[in-house]
Amino acid sequence: MRTTSPTRQAARRTFGLQIPTGRNQIVYRQQRPRPRPGKVEVYGAIIHSRATDKYCLVEGKSSGKWSFPKGHVKEDESPFECVGREIGEEIGIDSLPMPQKGLPLRVGYYYFFDIPNEWPLNPRDMNEIGTAGWYSLEEMESMNLNIDANVFRTQQSRSNIVIN
């Protein structure tokens, strides 16, 4: 009989985020999650500014919730192309450096970009996006976040670990 180690069990519960375990270890889960039946996967970008230690968030016009720029894959594009298109539509940035890693969160799969400075944000799709801005983890505590942004904020606040 094969048993699962406590570290592997902890990794399954983290949704791809870094958290300390009882043994003062850090757990990573970078495998691509399998789509859940009946769920359409969302692909997005977690964009972090090293200079200000802030993250790029967009406010959904219909939901009023703040989230990372994200969207659904169109029939003729890859997940990474989807993220590039959504970044262009939602924050007006046409090119980003290669992502440092991918993070499966609660509902979607996000590419993590660590950039040197905040870039000006100019949303183009005003039908979906109300506004966009740069916010710290502390500022995010008082915001109405969607589930993925909330999971990310909570886990990063608890772990006090910077993603490299």
C-alpha atoms as a PDB file:
ATOM      1  CA  MET A   1       0.000   0.000   0.000  1.00  0.00           C
ATOM      2  CA  ARG A   2       1.314   3.430  -0.961  1.00  0.00           C
ATOM      3  CA  THR A   3       0.940   6.269   1.494  1.00  0.00           C
ATOM      4  CA  THR A   4       1.154   9.965   0.828  1.00  0.00           C
ATOM      5  CA  SER A   5       3.686  11.934   2.831  1.00  0.00           C
ATOM      6  CA  PRO A   6       2.482  14.863   4.969  1.00  0.00           C
ATOM      7  CA  THR A   7       4.457  17.213   2.720  1.00  0.00           C
ATOM      8  CA  ARG A   8       2.625  15.965  -0.379  1.00  0.00           C
ATOM      9  CA  GLN A   9      -0.709  16.258   1.430  1.00  0.00           C
ATOM     10  CA  ALA A  10       0.131  19.848   2.383  1.00  0.00           C
ATOM     11  CA  ALA A  11       1.141  20.589  -1.204  1.00  0.00           C
ATOM     12  CA  ARG A  12      -2.240  19.435  -2.471  1.00  0.00           C
ATOM     13  CA  ARG A  13      -4.012  21.824  -0.129  1.00  0.00           C
ATOM     14  CA  THR A  14      -1.995  24.900  -1.122  1.00  0.00           C
ATOM     15  CA  PHE A  15      -3.357  25.424  -4.657  1.00  0.00           C
ATOM     16  CA  GLY A  16       0.185  26.053  -5.834  1.00  0.00           C
ATOM     17  CA  LEU A  17       1.116  28.666  -3.281  1.00  0.00           C
ATOM     18  CA  GLN A  18       4.025  28.645  -0.896  1.00  0.00           C
ATOM     19  CA  ILE A  19       3.207  27.951   2.713  1.00  0.00           C
ATOM     20  CA  PRO A  20       5.269  26.833   5.682  1.00  0.00           C
ATOM     21  CA  THR A  21       4.423  23.340   6.933  1.00  0.00           C
ATOM     22  CA  GLY A  22       4.705  22.037  10.463  1.00  0.00           C
ATOM     23  CA  ARG A  23       8.323  21.094   9.786  1.00  0.00           C
ATOM     24  CA  ASN A  24       9.326  24.641   8.723  1.00  0.00           C
ATOM     25  CA  GLN A  25       9.558  23.545   5.120  1.00  0.00           C
ATOM     26  CA  ILE A  26       8.173  25.419   2.161  1.00  0.00           C
ATOM     27  CA  VAL A  27       5.852  23.473  -0.106  1.00  0.00           C
ATOM     28  CA  TYR A  28       5.537  24.166  -3.819  1.00  0.00           C
ATOM     29  CA  ARG A  29       3.085  22.655  -6.228  1.00  0.00           C
ATOM     30  CA  GLN A  30       3.894  23.733  -9.753  1.00  0.00           C
ATOM     31  CA  GLN A  31       2.201  20.981 -11.744  1.00  0.00           C
ATOM     32  CA  ARG A  32      -0.530  22.093 -14.078  1.00  0.00           C
ATOM     33  CA  PRO A  33      -3.901  21.350 -12.442  1.00  0.00           C
ATOM     34  CA  ARG A  34      -6.380  19.125 -14.210  1.00  0.00           C
ATOM     35  CA  PRO A  35      -9.558  20.925 -15.249  1.00  0.00           C
ATOM     36  CA  ARG A  36     -12.448  20.171 -12.948  1.00  0.00           C
ATOM     37  CA  PRO A  37     -15.518  18.719 -14.649  1.00  0.00           C
ATOM     38  CA  GLY A  38     -17.946  21.461 -15.614  1.00  0.00           C
ATOM     39  CA  LYS A  39     -15.415  24.233 -14.938  1.00  0.00           C
ATOM     40  CA  VAL A  40     -13.924  26.412 -17.651  1.00  0.00           C
ATOM     41  CA  GLU A  41     -10.340  27.245 -16.818  1.00  0.00           C
ATOM     42  CA  VAL A  42      -9.206  30.828 -16.527  1.00  0.00           C
ATOM     43  CA  TYR A  43      -5.678  31.946 -17.366  1.00  0.00           C
ATOM     44  CA  GLY A  44      -4.198  35.111 -15.950  1.00  0.00           C
ATOM     45  CA  ALA A  45      -1.158  37.095 -14.870  1.00  0.00           C
ATOM     46  CA  ILE A  46       0.124  37.972 -11.427  1.00  0.00           C
ATOM     47  CA  ILE A  47       2.299  41.009 -12.117  1.00  0.00           C
ATOM     48  CA  HIS A  48       4.530  42.126  -9.239  1.00  0.00           C
ATOM     49  CA  SER A  49       6.562  45.342  -9.123  1.00  0.00           C
ATOM     50  CA  ARG A  50       9.816  44.821  -7.208  1.00  0.00           C
ATOM     51  CA  ALA A  51      10.357  48.573  -6.693  1.00  0.00           C
ATOM     52  CA  THR A  52       7.093  49.116  -4.819  1.00  0.00           C
ATOM     53  CA  ASP A  53       6.225  45.530  -3.785  1.00  0.00           C
ATOM     54  CA  LYS A  54       2.774  45.967  -5.321  1.00  0.00           C
ATOM     55  CA  TYR A  55       0.609  43.802  -7.559  1.00  0.00           C
ATOM     56  CA  CYS A  56      -1.437  44.773 -10.600  1.00  0.00           C
ATOM     57  CA  LEU A  57      -5.187  44.321 -10.040  1.00  0.00           C
ATOM     58  CA  VAL A  58      -8.228  45.096 -12.171  1.00  0.00           C
ATOM     59  CA  GLU A  59     -11.771  45.772 -10.995  1.00  0.00           C
ATOM     60  CA  GLY A  60     -14.488  43.840 -12.806  1.00  0.00           C
ATOM     61  CA  LYS A  61     -17.229  46.184 -13.961  1.00  0.00           C
ATOM     62  CA  SER A  62     -20.131  43.772 -13.410  1.00  0.00           C
ATOM     63  CA  SER A  63     -18.887  42.044 -10.239  1.00  0.00           C
ATOM     64  CA  GLY A  64     -17.147  44.976  -8.560  1.00  0.00           C
ATOM     65  CA  LYS A  65     -14.451  42.513  -7.443  1.00  0.00           C
ATOM     66  CA  TRP A  66     -10.742  43.048  -7.849  1.00  0.00           C
ATOM     67  CA  SER A  67      -8.689  40.347  -9.531  1.00  0.00           C
ATOM     68  CA  PHE A  68      -5.536  39.693 -11.461  1.00  0.00           C
ATOM     69  CA  PRO A  69      -5.876  40.263 -15.232  1.00  0.00           C
ATOM     70  CA  LYS A  70      -7.345  37.046 -16.603  1.00  0.00           C
ATOM     71  CA  GLY A  71      -9.587  35.475 -19.217  1.00  0.00           C
ATOM     72  CA  HIS A  72     -10.703  32.385 -21.089  1.00  0.00           C
ATOM     73  CA  VAL A  73      -8.768  30.746 -23.909  1.00  0.00           C
ATOM     74  CA  LYS A  74     -10.197  31.277 -27.377  1.00  0.00           C
ATOM     75  CA  GLU A  75     -10.371  28.347 -29.761  1.00  0.00           C
ATOM     76  CA  ASP A  76      -7.257  29.262 -31.750  1.00  0.00           C
ATOM     77  CA  GLU A  77      -4.857  30.297 -28.964  1.00  0.00           C
ATOM     78  CA  SER A  78      -2.622  28.764 -26.318  1.00  0.00           C
ATOM     79  CA  PRO A  79      -3.000  29.596 -22.606  1.00  0.00           C
ATOM     80  CA  PHE A  80       0.056  31.884 -22.778  1.00  0.00           C
ATOM     81  CA  GLU A  81      -1.365  33.698 -25.827  1.00  0.00           C
ATOM     82  CA  CYS A  82      -4.628  34.103 -23.904  1.00  0.00           C
ATOM     83  CA  VAL A  83      -2.751  35.784 -21.049  1.00  0.00           C
ATOM     84  CA  GLY A  84      -0.986  38.118 -23.483  1.00  0.00           C
ATOM     85  CA  ARG A  85      -4.299  39.096 -25.081  1.00  0.00           C
ATOM     86  CA  GLU A  86      -6.005  39.655 -21.719  1.00  0.00           C
ATOM     87  CA  ILE A  87      -3.109  41.770 -20.412  1.00  0.00           C
ATOM     88  CA  GLY A  88      -3.408  43.948 -23.509  1.00  0.00           C
ATOM     89  CA  GLU A  89      -7.183  44.321 -23.169  1.00  0.00           C
ATOM     90  CA  GLU A  90      -7.389  44.754 -19.409  1.00  0.00           C
ATOM     91  CA  ILE A  91      -4.307  46.839 -18.545  1.00  0.00           C
ATOM     92  CA  GLY A  92      -3.011  48.077 -21.899  1.00  0.00           C
ATOM     93  CA  ILE A  93       0.395  46.366 -21.779  1.00  0.00           C
ATOM     94  CA  ASP A  94       1.377  44.676 -25.024  1.00  0.00           C
ATOM     95  CA  SER A  95       4.508  42.841 -23.927  1.00  0.00           C
ATOM     96  CA  LEU A  96       5.901  41.373 -20.739  1.00  0.00           C
ATOM     97  CA  PRO A  97       9.093  39.474 -19.966  1.00  0.00           C
ATOM     98  CA  MET A  98       8.918  35.705 -19.728  1.00  0.00           C
ATOM     99  CA  PRO A  99       7.063  34.615 -16.596  1.00  0.00           C
ATOM    100  CA  GLN A 100       9.060  33.273 -13.689  1.00  0.00           C
ATOM    101  CA  LYS A 101       6.655  30.430 -12.965  1.00  0.00           C
ATOM    102  CA  GLY A 102       3.069  29.310 -13.182  1.00  0.00           C
ATOM    103  CA  LEU A 103       0.744  29.199 -10.197  1.00  0.00           C
ATOM    104  CA  PRO A 104      -2.404  27.091 -10.152  1.00  0.00           C
ATOM    105  CA  LEU A 105      -4.841  28.863  -7.833  1.00  0.00           C
ATOM    106  CA  ARG A 106      -8.418  28.063  -6.871  1.00  0.00           C
ATOM    107  CA  VAL A 107     -10.189  28.677 -10.182  1.00  0.00           C
ATOM    108  CA  GLY A 108      -7.441  29.497 -12.670  1.00  0.00           C
ATOM    109  CA  TYR A 109      -3.841  29.121 -13.697  1.00  0.00           C
ATOM    110  CA  TYR A 110      -1.697  32.252 -13.414  1.00  0.00           C
ATOM    111  CA  TYR A 111       1.698  33.171 -14.824  1.00  0.00           C
ATOM    112  CA  PHE A 112       3.864  35.120 -12.361  1.00  0.00           C
ATOM    113  CA  PHE A 113       5.736  38.146 -13.750  1.00  0.00           C
ATOM    114  CA  ASP A 114       8.240  40.013 -11.583  1.00  0.00           C
ATOM    115  CA  ILE A 115       8.982  43.398 -13.158  1.00  0.00           C
ATOM    116  CA  PRO A 116      11.401  46.093 -11.921  1.00  0.00           C
ATOM    117  CA  ASN A 117       8.940  49.038 -11.744  1.00  0.00           C
ATOM    118  CA  GLU A 118       5.236  49.785 -11.941  1.00  0.00           C
ATOM    119  CA  TRP A 119       4.066  50.353 -15.498  1.00  0.00           C
ATOM    120  CA  PRO A 120       1.279  52.776 -16.421  1.00  0.00           C
ATOM    121  CA  LEU A 121      -2.023  50.918 -16.751  1.00  0.00           C
ATOM    122  CA  ASN A 122      -4.458  51.886 -19.516  1.00  0.00           C
ATOM    123  CA  PRO A 123      -7.404  49.462 -19.718  1.00  0.00           C
ATOM    124  CA  ARG A 124      -8.740  49.118 -23.276  1.00  0.00           C
ATOM    125  CA  ASP A 125     -11.770  46.909 -22.648  1.00  0.00           C
ATOM    126  CA  MET A 126     -13.997  49.256 -20.680  1.00  0.00           C
ATOM    127  CA  ASN A 127     -16.957  46.849 -21.037  1.00  0.00           C
ATOM    128  CA  GLU A 128     -15.338  44.371 -18.623  1.00  0.00           C
ATOM    129  CA  ILE A 129     -12.916  46.464 -16.564  1.00  0.00           C
ATOM    130  CA  GLY A 130     -13.819  49.407 -14.353  1.00  0.00           C
ATOM    131  CA  THR A 131     -10.318  50.437 -13.367  1.00  0.00           C
ATOM    132  CA  ALA A 132      -6.821  49.024 -12.806  1.00  0.00           C
ATOM    133  CA  GLY A 133      -4.097  49.810 -10.309  1.00  0.00           C
ATOM    134  CA  TRP A 134      -1.114  48.690  -8.251  1.00  0.00           C
ATOM    135  CA  TYR A 135      -1.802  47.474  -4.688  1.00  0.00           C
ATOM    136  CA  SER A 136       0.232  46.007  -1.823  1.00  0.00           C
ATOM    137  CA  LEU A 137      -0.797  42.883   0.085  1.00  0.00           C
ATOM    138  CA  GLU A 138      -1.797  45.142   2.996  1.00  0.00           C
ATOM    139  CA  GLU A 139      -4.012  47.297   0.760  1.00  0.00           C
ATOM    140  CA  MET A 140      -5.578  44.155  -0.696  1.00  0.00           C
ATOM    141  CA  GLU A 141      -6.841  43.153   2.772  1.00  0.00           C
ATOM    142  CA  SER A 142      -9.576  45.797   2.660  1.00  0.00           C
ATOM    143  CA  MET A 143     -10.515  45.248  -1.000  1.00  0.00           C
ATOM    144  CA  ASN A 144     -13.352  43.161  -2.424  1.00  0.00           C
ATOM    145  CA  LEU A 145     -11.178  40.468  -4.078  1.00  0.00           C
ATOM    146  CA  ASN A 146     -12.228  37.555  -6.251  1.00  0.00           C
ATOM    147  CA  ILE A 147     -11.420  34.073  -4.944  1.00  0.00           C
ATOM    148  CA  ASP A 148      -8.045  33.633  -6.689  1.00  0.00           C
ATOM    149  CA  ALA A 149      -6.697  37.039  -5.641  1.00  0.00           C
ATOM    150  CA  ASN A 150      -7.936  36.412  -2.094  1.00  0.00           C
ATOM    151  CA  VAL A 151      -6.276  32.970  -1.903  1.00  0.00           C
ATOM    152  CA  PHE A 152      -3.016  34.444  -3.214  1.00  0.00           C
ATOM    153  CA  ARG A 153      -3.110  37.397  -0.770  1.00  0.00           C
ATOM    154  CA  THR A 154      -3.948  35.193   2.209  1.00  0.00           C
ATOM    155  CA  GLN A 155      -1.229  32.645   1.498  1.00  0.00           C
ATOM    156  CA  GLN A 156       1.435  35.269   0.776  1.00  0.00           C
ATOM    157  CA  SER A 157       0.536  37.225   3.919  1.00  0.00           C
ATOM    158  CA  ARG A 158       0.744  34.092   6.066  1.00  0.00           C
ATOM    159  CA  SER A 159       3.998  32.850   4.626  1.00  0.00           C
ATOM    160  CA  ASN A 160       5.874  36.174   4.330  1.00  0.00           C
ATOM    161  CA  ILE A 161       7.743  34.635   1.418  1.00  0.00           C
ATOM    162  CA  VAL A 162       8.529  36.409  -1.826  1.00  0.00           C
ATOM    163  CA  ILE A 163       8.123  34.331  -4.969  1.00  0.00           C
ATOM    164  CA  ASN A 164      11.421  34.135  -6.829  1.00  0.00           C
END
